[in-house]
Amino acid sequence: MIEELRTAAEVVGIRVRRERLLRDVGYQVHSGLCRFQEQEILLLESGLSADVQIDLLVAALSKRDLAAVPLSDEVTRLLRPGQTG
């Protein structure tokens, strides 16, 4: 399911990066959607559970037009609660 969500994100123009987010004195990096120049990037901390990664991907995709993206029924239900697939 994570790979399907990652693929959907890439299709709609969100680059997904899963990596160890470094922390240092004075700042703390969190997973989430950001913009660098013209590119939207979803940073996922590599140590996050699958459930949290799915939640972050769903949040990033929830307001996107995914009509042209082929999705499984399970992922469609996650992205559009209350809608049957």
N, C-alpha and C. Protein backbone atom coordinates (compact mmCIF):
# COMPACT_ATOMS: atom_id res chain seq x y z
N MET A 1 0.82 -1.19 0.00
CA MET A 1 0.00 0.00 0.00
C MET A 1 0.87 1.26 0.00
N ILE A 2 1.97 1.23 0.73
CA ILE A 2 2.87 2.39 0.77
C ILE A 2 3.41 2.67 -0.63
N GLU A 3 3.81 1.63 -1.33
CA GLU A 3 4.35 1.85 -2.68
C GLU A 3 3.29 2.41 -3.62
N GLU A 4 2.07 1.96 -3.49
CA GLU A 4 0.99 2.47 -4.34
C GLU A 4 0.75 3.96 -4.05
N LEU A 5 0.77 4.32 -2.78
CA LEU A 5 0.60 5.73 -2.41
C LEU A 5 1.79 6.57 -2.88
N ARG A 6 2.99 6.03 -2.76
CA ARG A 6 4.18 6.75 -3.24
C ARG A 6 4.11 6.97 -4.74
N THR A 7 3.69 5.96 -5.46
CA THR A 7 3.55 6.08 -6.91
C THR A 7 2.51 7.14 -7.27
N ALA A 8 1.38 7.12 -6.57
CA ALA A 8 0.33 8.13 -6.80
C ALA A 8 0.87 9.52 -6.54
N ALA A 9 1.64 9.68 -5.49
CA ALA A 9 2.23 10.98 -5.18
C ALA A 9 3.15 11.45 -6.30
N GLU A 10 3.98 10.56 -6.79
CA GLU A 10 4.89 10.90 -7.88
C GLU A 10 4.11 11.30 -9.13
N VAL A 11 3.02 10.59 -9.41
CA VAL A 11 2.21 10.89 -10.60
C VAL A 11 1.63 12.30 -10.54
N VAL A 12 1.23 12.75 -9.35
CA VAL A 12 0.65 14.09 -9.22
C VAL A 12 1.70 15.15 -8.93
N GLY A 13 2.98 14.78 -9.00
CA GLY A 13 4.04 15.78 -8.90
C GLY A 13 4.66 15.96 -7.53
N ILE A 14 4.43 15.04 -6.62
CA ILE A 14 5.05 15.13 -5.29
C ILE A 14 6.20 14.13 -5.25
N ARG A 15 7.40 14.62 -5.06
CA ARG A 15 8.56 13.75 -4.92
C ARG A 15 8.57 13.21 -3.50
N VAL A 16 8.69 11.91 -3.33
CA VAL A 16 8.69 11.29 -2.00
C VAL A 16 10.11 10.83 -1.68
N ARG A 17 10.60 11.30 -0.53
CA ARG A 17 11.94 10.90 -0.09
C ARG A 17 11.83 10.28 1.30
N ARG A 18 12.29 9.06 1.41
CA ARG A 18 12.31 8.36 2.69
C ARG A 18 13.76 8.29 3.12
N GLU A 19 14.06 8.96 4.22
CA GLU A 19 15.45 9.00 4.68
C GLU A 19 15.52 9.31 6.16
N ARG A 20 16.69 9.16 6.69
CA ARG A 20 16.92 9.51 8.10
C ARG A 20 17.04 11.03 8.17
N LEU A 21 16.10 11.64 8.88
CA LEU A 21 16.11 13.09 9.02
C LEU A 21 16.97 13.46 10.22
N LEU A 22 18.05 14.17 9.95
CA LEU A 22 19.00 14.52 11.00
C LEU A 22 18.46 15.62 11.89
N ARG A 23 18.79 15.52 13.13
CA ARG A 23 18.41 16.54 14.12
C ARG A 23 19.69 17.08 14.74
N ASP A 24 19.64 18.32 15.15
CA ASP A 24 20.81 18.95 15.75
C ASP A 24 20.32 19.89 16.83
N VAL A 25 21.23 20.40 17.60
CA VAL A 25 20.89 21.35 18.65
C VAL A 25 20.24 22.57 18.02
N GLY A 26 19.07 22.95 18.51
CA GLY A 26 18.41 24.16 18.04
C GLY A 26 17.35 23.95 16.98
N TYR A 27 17.29 22.76 16.41
CA TYR A 27 16.22 22.51 15.44
C TYR A 27 15.89 21.03 15.41
N GLN A 28 14.68 20.76 15.00
CA GLN A 28 14.24 19.37 14.85
C GLN A 28 13.47 19.25 13.54
N VAL A 29 13.85 18.30 12.74
CA VAL A 29 13.22 18.09 11.44
C VAL A 29 12.09 17.08 11.62
N HIS A 30 10.97 17.35 10.97
CA HIS A 30 9.82 16.46 11.04
C HIS A 30 9.45 15.99 9.64
N SER A 31 8.84 14.83 9.57
CA SER A 31 8.30 14.34 8.30
C SER A 31 7.16 15.24 7.87
N GLY A 32 7.00 15.38 6.56
CA GLY A 32 5.88 16.16 6.05
C GLY A 32 6.16 16.71 4.67
N LEU A 33 5.17 17.42 4.16
CA LEU A 33 5.23 18.00 2.82
C LEU A 33 5.90 19.36 2.88
N CYS A 34 6.81 19.61 1.95
CA CYS A 34 7.46 20.91 1.86
C CYS A 34 7.68 21.25 0.40
N ARG A 35 8.08 22.46 0.15
CA ARG A 35 8.36 22.90 -1.21
C ARG A 35 9.81 23.39 -1.25
N PHE A 36 10.53 22.93 -2.27
CA PHE A 36 11.88 23.41 -2.52
C PHE A 36 11.90 23.90 -3.95
N GLN A 37 12.12 25.20 -4.11
CA GLN A 37 12.00 25.85 -5.40
C GLN A 37 10.62 25.55 -5.95
N GLU A 38 10.49 24.91 -7.08
CA GLU A 38 9.17 24.62 -7.66
C GLU A 38 8.71 23.19 -7.37
N GLN A 39 9.51 22.42 -6.66
CA GLN A 39 9.22 21.00 -6.44
C GLN A 39 8.60 20.77 -5.06
N GLU A 40 7.47 20.05 -5.02
CA GLU A 40 6.91 19.62 -3.75
C GLU A 40 7.57 18.30 -3.37
N ILE A 41 7.96 18.22 -2.09
CA ILE A 41 8.65 17.03 -1.61
C ILE A 41 7.98 16.58 -0.32
N LEU A 42 7.72 15.30 -0.23
CA LEU A 42 7.22 14.71 1.00
C LEU A 42 8.38 13.97 1.64
N LEU A 43 8.84 14.47 2.78
CA LEU A 43 9.93 13.83 3.51
C LEU A 43 9.34 12.85 4.51
N LEU A 44 9.82 11.62 4.47
CA LEU A 44 9.38 10.58 5.39
C LEU A 44 10.58 10.09 6.19
N GLU A 45 10.52 10.25 7.49
CA GLU A 45 11.57 9.73 8.37
C GLU A 45 11.64 8.22 8.18
N SER A 46 12.83 7.71 7.96
CA SER A 46 12.99 6.28 7.66
C SER A 46 12.57 5.39 8.81
N GLY A 47 12.58 5.88 10.02
CA GLY A 47 12.22 5.07 11.17
C GLY A 47 10.74 5.04 11.50
N LEU A 48 9.92 5.73 10.71
CA LEU A 48 8.49 5.76 10.98
C LEU A 48 7.83 4.42 10.68
N SER A 49 6.81 4.13 11.46
CA SER A 49 6.05 2.90 11.21
C SER A 49 5.31 3.01 9.88
N ALA A 50 4.91 1.88 9.35
CA ALA A 50 4.17 1.87 8.09
C ALA A 50 2.87 2.66 8.22
N ASP A 51 2.19 2.54 9.34
CA ASP A 51 0.93 3.27 9.55
C ASP A 51 1.13 4.77 9.48
N VAL A 52 2.20 5.28 10.08
CA VAL A 52 2.46 6.72 10.08
C VAL A 52 2.85 7.17 8.67
N GLN A 53 3.64 6.38 7.96
CA GLN A 53 3.99 6.73 6.59
C GLN A 53 2.74 6.80 5.72
N ILE A 54 1.84 5.84 5.89
CA ILE A 54 0.58 5.84 5.14
C ILE A 54 -0.23 7.08 5.46
N ASP A 55 -0.32 7.43 6.74
CA ASP A 55 -1.06 8.64 7.15
C ASP A 55 -0.49 9.89 6.49
N LEU A 56 0.82 10.02 6.45
CA LEU A 56 1.46 11.18 5.83
C LEU A 56 1.22 11.22 4.32
N LEU A 57 1.30 10.08 3.68
CA LEU A 57 1.03 10.01 2.24
C LEU A 57 -0.43 10.35 1.94
N VAL A 58 -1.34 9.82 2.72
CA VAL A 58 -2.77 10.11 2.53
C VAL A 58 -3.03 11.59 2.73
N ALA A 59 -2.43 12.19 3.75
CA ALA A 59 -2.62 13.63 4.00
C ALA A 59 -2.11 14.45 2.82
N ALA A 60 -0.98 14.06 2.26
CA ALA A 60 -0.41 14.81 1.13
C ALA A 60 -1.27 14.67 -0.13
N LEU A 61 -1.95 13.55 -0.26
CA LEU A 61 -2.73 13.28 -1.47
C LEU A 61 -4.21 13.62 -1.34
N SER A 62 -4.68 13.85 -0.15
CA SER A 62 -6.12 13.93 0.10
C SER A 62 -6.84 15.03 -0.66
N LYS A 63 -6.17 16.11 -0.99
CA LYS A 63 -6.82 17.21 -1.70
C LYS A 63 -6.37 17.31 -3.16
N ARG A 64 -5.75 16.27 -3.66
CA ARG A 64 -5.26 16.26 -5.04
C ARG A 64 -6.28 15.61 -5.96
N ASP A 65 -6.23 15.99 -7.22
CA ASP A 65 -7.05 15.35 -8.23
C ASP A 65 -6.36 14.06 -8.65
N LEU A 66 -6.94 12.95 -8.27
CA LEU A 66 -6.35 11.65 -8.55
C LEU A 66 -7.15 10.86 -9.58
N ALA A 67 -8.01 11.56 -10.32
CA ALA A 67 -8.88 10.89 -11.28
C ALA A 67 -8.10 10.08 -12.31
N ALA A 68 -6.94 10.55 -12.71
CA ALA A 68 -6.15 9.88 -13.74
C ALA A 68 -5.17 8.84 -13.17
N VAL A 69 -5.19 8.68 -11.85
CA VAL A 69 -4.25 7.76 -11.21
C VAL A 69 -4.97 6.45 -10.88
N PRO A 70 -4.51 5.33 -11.42
CA PRO A 70 -5.15 4.05 -11.09
C PRO A 70 -4.84 3.67 -9.65
N LEU A 71 -5.91 3.44 -8.88
CA LEU A 71 -5.76 3.12 -7.46
C LEU A 71 -6.57 1.88 -7.10
N SER A 72 -6.04 1.10 -6.18
CA SER A 72 -6.78 -0.06 -5.69
C SER A 72 -7.97 0.44 -4.86
N ASP A 73 -8.94 -0.44 -4.66
CA ASP A 73 -10.11 -0.08 -3.86
C ASP A 73 -9.70 0.32 -2.44
N GLU A 74 -8.73 -0.40 -1.88
CA GLU A 74 -8.27 -0.12 -0.52
C GLU A 74 -7.68 1.29 -0.40
N VAL A 75 -6.85 1.67 -1.34
CA VAL A 75 -6.24 3.01 -1.31
C VAL A 75 -7.30 4.06 -1.59
N THR A 76 -8.22 3.79 -2.50
CA THR A 76 -9.31 4.74 -2.78
C THR A 76 -10.11 5.02 -1.52
N ARG A 77 -10.41 3.98 -0.74
CA ARG A 77 -11.15 4.17 0.52
C ARG A 77 -10.36 5.02 1.50
N LEU A 78 -9.06 4.86 1.54
CA LEU A 78 -8.23 5.67 2.44
C LEU A 78 -8.25 7.14 2.04
N LEU A 79 -8.19 7.38 0.74
CA LEU A 79 -8.11 8.75 0.24
C LEU A 79 -9.46 9.46 0.19
N ARG A 80 -10.51 8.69 0.07
CA ARG A 80 -11.86 9.26 -0.04
C ARG A 80 -12.79 8.54 0.93
N PRO A 81 -12.66 8.83 2.24
CA PRO A 81 -13.49 8.13 3.22
C PRO A 81 -14.98 8.26 2.90
N GLY A 82 -15.71 7.17 3.09
CA GLY A 82 -17.13 7.17 2.85
C GLY A 82 -17.51 6.81 1.42
N GLN A 83 -16.51 6.75 0.55
CA GLN A 83 -16.76 6.43 -0.86
C GLN A 83 -16.44 4.95 -1.07
N THR A 84 -17.31 4.23 -1.71
CA THR A 84 -17.02 2.82 -1.99
C THR A 84 -16.25 2.71 -3.29
N GLY A 85 -15.40 1.70 -3.37
CA GLY A 85 -14.57 1.57 -4.55
C GLY A 85 -15.02 0.49 -5.36
